[in-house]
N, C-alpha and C. Protein backbone atom coordinates (compact mmCIF):
# COMPACT_ATOMS: atom_id res chain seq x y z
N MET A 1 -8.90 -15.90 7.39
CA MET A 1 -7.49 -16.13 7.61
C MET A 1 -6.78 -14.78 7.71
N ALA A 2 -6.06 -14.58 8.75
CA ALA A 2 -5.34 -13.32 8.96
C ALA A 2 -4.04 -13.33 8.18
N ARG A 3 -3.73 -12.20 7.60
CA ARG A 3 -2.46 -12.05 6.90
C ARG A 3 -1.49 -11.34 7.83
N LEU A 4 -0.26 -11.77 7.79
CA LEU A 4 0.77 -11.09 8.55
C LEU A 4 1.83 -10.61 7.57
N TYR A 5 2.26 -9.40 7.74
CA TYR A 5 3.32 -8.83 6.92
C TYR A 5 4.52 -8.63 7.83
N SER A 6 5.68 -8.95 7.33
CA SER A 6 6.87 -8.73 8.16
C SER A 6 7.94 -8.05 7.33
N ALA A 7 8.78 -7.34 8.01
CA ALA A 7 9.88 -6.63 7.36
C ALA A 7 11.09 -6.72 8.26
N SER A 8 12.23 -6.94 7.67
CA SER A 8 13.47 -7.01 8.43
C SER A 8 14.28 -5.76 8.19
N ALA A 9 14.86 -5.26 9.23
CA ALA A 9 15.70 -4.06 9.13
C ALA A 9 17.08 -4.46 8.61
N SER A 10 17.90 -3.48 8.37
CA SER A 10 19.24 -3.74 7.87
C SER A 10 20.05 -4.55 8.89
N ALA A 11 21.19 -5.03 8.45
CA ALA A 11 22.00 -5.96 9.25
C ALA A 11 22.41 -5.40 10.61
N HIS A 12 22.66 -4.10 10.69
CA HIS A 12 23.13 -3.54 11.96
C HIS A 12 22.03 -3.50 13.02
N CYS A 13 20.78 -3.55 12.61
CA CYS A 13 19.67 -3.46 13.55
C CYS A 13 19.17 -4.83 13.99
N GLN A 14 19.14 -5.79 13.07
CA GLN A 14 18.69 -7.16 13.34
C GLN A 14 17.32 -7.18 14.02
N GLN A 15 16.38 -6.43 13.49
CA GLN A 15 15.04 -6.38 14.06
C GLN A 15 14.02 -6.71 12.98
N THR A 16 13.07 -7.57 13.31
CA THR A 16 11.97 -7.91 12.41
C THR A 16 10.68 -7.42 13.01
N ARG A 17 9.89 -6.73 12.22
CA ARG A 17 8.60 -6.23 12.67
C ARG A 17 7.51 -7.03 11.97
N THR A 18 6.41 -7.26 12.67
CA THR A 18 5.28 -7.98 12.11
C THR A 18 4.05 -7.09 12.18
N TYR A 19 3.30 -7.06 11.08
CA TYR A 19 2.14 -6.19 10.97
C TYR A 19 0.92 -7.02 10.61
N ASN A 20 -0.24 -6.61 11.09
CA ASN A 20 -1.50 -7.27 10.75
C ASN A 20 -2.17 -6.65 9.53
N LYS A 21 -1.80 -5.42 9.20
CA LYS A 21 -2.39 -4.71 8.06
C LYS A 21 -1.28 -4.07 7.26
N PHE A 22 -1.45 -4.09 5.94
CA PHE A 22 -0.44 -3.48 5.09
C PHE A 22 -0.37 -1.97 5.31
N SER A 23 -1.48 -1.35 5.66
CA SER A 23 -1.48 0.09 5.90
C SER A 23 -0.56 0.46 7.06
N LEU A 24 -0.40 -0.44 8.03
CA LEU A 24 0.52 -0.19 9.14
C LEU A 24 1.98 -0.20 8.67
N VAL A 25 2.27 -1.01 7.67
CA VAL A 25 3.60 -1.01 7.08
C VAL A 25 3.86 0.35 6.43
N ALA A 26 2.89 0.83 5.67
CA ALA A 26 3.04 2.11 4.99
C ALA A 26 3.24 3.25 5.99
N THR A 27 2.49 3.20 7.09
CA THR A 27 2.65 4.22 8.14
C THR A 27 4.06 4.18 8.72
N ASP A 28 4.57 2.99 8.96
CA ASP A 28 5.92 2.85 9.51
C ASP A 28 6.97 3.36 8.52
N VAL A 29 6.75 3.13 7.24
CA VAL A 29 7.69 3.62 6.23
C VAL A 29 7.69 5.14 6.20
N VAL A 30 6.52 5.75 6.28
CA VAL A 30 6.44 7.21 6.32
C VAL A 30 7.21 7.74 7.52
N ASN A 31 6.98 7.15 8.68
CA ASN A 31 7.69 7.59 9.89
C ASN A 31 9.20 7.44 9.73
N ALA A 32 9.65 6.33 9.18
CA ALA A 32 11.09 6.12 9.00
C ALA A 32 11.69 7.17 8.08
N ARG A 33 11.00 7.49 7.00
CA ARG A 33 11.51 8.49 6.06
C ARG A 33 11.59 9.87 6.70
N VAL A 34 10.61 10.19 7.52
CA VAL A 34 10.62 11.48 8.21
C VAL A 34 11.74 11.52 9.25
N TYR A 35 11.87 10.46 10.04
CA TYR A 35 12.89 10.42 11.09
C TYR A 35 14.30 10.51 10.52
N GLU A 36 14.50 9.92 9.34
CA GLU A 36 15.84 9.95 8.73
C GLU A 36 16.08 11.23 7.93
N GLY A 37 15.07 12.08 7.83
CA GLY A 37 15.25 13.34 7.13
C GLY A 37 15.19 13.22 5.63
N ILE A 38 14.67 12.11 5.12
CA ILE A 38 14.61 11.91 3.67
C ILE A 38 13.43 12.68 3.07
N HIS A 39 12.29 12.71 3.78
CA HIS A 39 11.08 13.35 3.27
C HIS A 39 10.40 14.16 4.37
N PHE A 40 9.49 15.01 3.94
CA PHE A 40 8.62 15.70 4.87
C PHE A 40 7.35 14.86 5.04
N ARG A 41 6.76 14.90 6.22
CA ARG A 41 5.57 14.08 6.50
C ARG A 41 4.43 14.40 5.53
N PHE A 42 4.19 15.68 5.23
CA PHE A 42 3.06 16.02 4.37
C PHE A 42 3.23 15.44 2.97
N SER A 43 4.47 15.36 2.48
CA SER A 43 4.66 14.82 1.12
C SER A 43 4.43 13.31 1.10
N ASP A 44 4.87 12.60 2.12
CA ASP A 44 4.61 11.16 2.18
C ASP A 44 3.13 10.88 2.40
N ALA A 45 2.47 11.67 3.21
CA ALA A 45 1.04 11.49 3.45
C ALA A 45 0.26 11.72 2.16
N GLU A 46 0.64 12.73 1.40
CA GLU A 46 -0.02 13.00 0.12
C GLU A 46 0.26 11.88 -0.88
N ALA A 47 1.48 11.37 -0.89
CA ALA A 47 1.82 10.26 -1.79
C ALA A 47 1.01 9.01 -1.46
N ARG A 48 0.81 8.74 -0.18
CA ARG A 48 -0.03 7.59 0.22
C ARG A 48 -1.46 7.79 -0.26
N LYS A 49 -1.98 9.01 -0.14
CA LYS A 49 -3.35 9.29 -0.60
C LYS A 49 -3.45 9.10 -2.11
N GLN A 50 -2.48 9.60 -2.85
CA GLN A 50 -2.49 9.45 -4.30
C GLN A 50 -2.41 7.97 -4.70
N GLY A 51 -1.58 7.22 -4.00
CA GLY A 51 -1.47 5.78 -4.27
C GLY A 51 -2.77 5.05 -4.00
N ARG A 52 -3.42 5.41 -2.90
CA ARG A 52 -4.71 4.80 -2.55
C ARG A 52 -5.76 5.14 -3.62
N ASP A 53 -5.79 6.39 -4.07
CA ASP A 53 -6.73 6.80 -5.10
C ASP A 53 -6.47 6.07 -6.42
N ALA A 54 -5.20 5.94 -6.79
CA ALA A 54 -4.85 5.24 -8.02
C ALA A 54 -5.25 3.76 -7.94
N ALA A 55 -5.04 3.15 -6.79
CA ALA A 55 -5.41 1.74 -6.61
C ALA A 55 -6.92 1.57 -6.69
N GLN A 56 -7.67 2.47 -6.08
CA GLN A 56 -9.13 2.39 -6.14
C GLN A 56 -9.63 2.53 -7.57
N TRP A 57 -9.03 3.43 -8.33
CA TRP A 57 -9.42 3.61 -9.72
C TRP A 57 -9.11 2.35 -10.53
N ALA A 58 -7.91 1.77 -10.31
CA ALA A 58 -7.53 0.56 -11.04
C ALA A 58 -8.48 -0.59 -10.72
N PHE A 59 -8.85 -0.75 -9.46
CA PHE A 59 -9.78 -1.81 -9.09
C PHE A 59 -11.16 -1.57 -9.70
N ALA A 60 -11.57 -0.32 -9.77
CA ALA A 60 -12.90 0.00 -10.31
C ALA A 60 -12.96 -0.18 -11.83
N HIS A 61 -11.83 0.04 -12.54
CA HIS A 61 -11.86 0.03 -14.00
C HIS A 61 -11.22 -1.20 -14.65
N PHE A 62 -10.29 -1.84 -13.99
CA PHE A 62 -9.57 -2.94 -14.63
C PHE A 62 -9.57 -4.23 -13.83
N LEU A 63 -9.35 -4.15 -12.56
CA LEU A 63 -9.18 -5.34 -11.72
C LEU A 63 -10.52 -5.77 -11.14
N ARG A 64 -11.37 -6.31 -12.01
CA ARG A 64 -12.71 -6.71 -11.61
C ARG A 64 -12.84 -8.22 -11.69
N PRO A 65 -13.85 -8.77 -11.06
CA PRO A 65 -14.06 -10.22 -11.15
C PRO A 65 -14.26 -10.66 -12.59
N ILE A 66 -13.88 -11.87 -12.90
CA ILE A 66 -13.97 -12.40 -14.26
C ILE A 66 -15.41 -12.37 -14.76
N ASP A 67 -16.38 -12.62 -13.89
CA ASP A 67 -17.79 -12.64 -14.28
C ASP A 67 -18.24 -11.34 -14.93
N GLU A 68 -17.66 -10.22 -14.53
CA GLU A 68 -18.07 -8.92 -15.07
C GLU A 68 -17.53 -8.69 -16.48
N ASP A 69 -16.47 -9.39 -16.89
CA ASP A 69 -15.88 -9.19 -18.22
C ASP A 69 -16.88 -9.50 -19.32
N ASP A 70 -17.67 -10.55 -19.17
CA ASP A 70 -18.63 -10.92 -20.21
C ASP A 70 -19.70 -9.85 -20.36
N GLN A 71 -20.11 -9.24 -19.29
CA GLN A 71 -21.16 -8.22 -19.32
C GLN A 71 -20.67 -6.96 -20.02
N ASP A 72 -19.39 -6.64 -19.89
CA ASP A 72 -18.85 -5.42 -20.51
C ASP A 72 -18.95 -5.48 -22.04
N GLU A 73 -18.68 -6.65 -22.63
CA GLU A 73 -18.71 -6.76 -24.07
C GLU A 73 -20.12 -6.61 -24.61
N ASP A 74 -21.12 -7.05 -23.86
CA ASP A 74 -22.50 -6.96 -24.30
C ASP A 74 -23.04 -5.53 -24.24
N THR A 75 -22.55 -4.74 -23.29
CA THR A 75 -23.10 -3.41 -23.08
C THR A 75 -22.44 -2.36 -23.95
N GLU A 76 -21.32 -2.64 -24.53
CA GLU A 76 -20.61 -1.63 -25.31
C GLU A 76 -21.09 -1.58 -26.72
């Protein structure tokens, strides 16, 4: 099943965008911040990398299938 992500712009724009991947949303947000002069591209790109690394660590250490929880108690 394909997931679709959508975002609506502010009232003056009246535009809705649809994305097939959440990473495309993040890319669009980075571009918007750069175009509006809020951030530099390298800082947003680094923040996305840090967020991805933090998410991978969380999935590896905490967000695991329930079946693995029983095994952890036995091995410690």
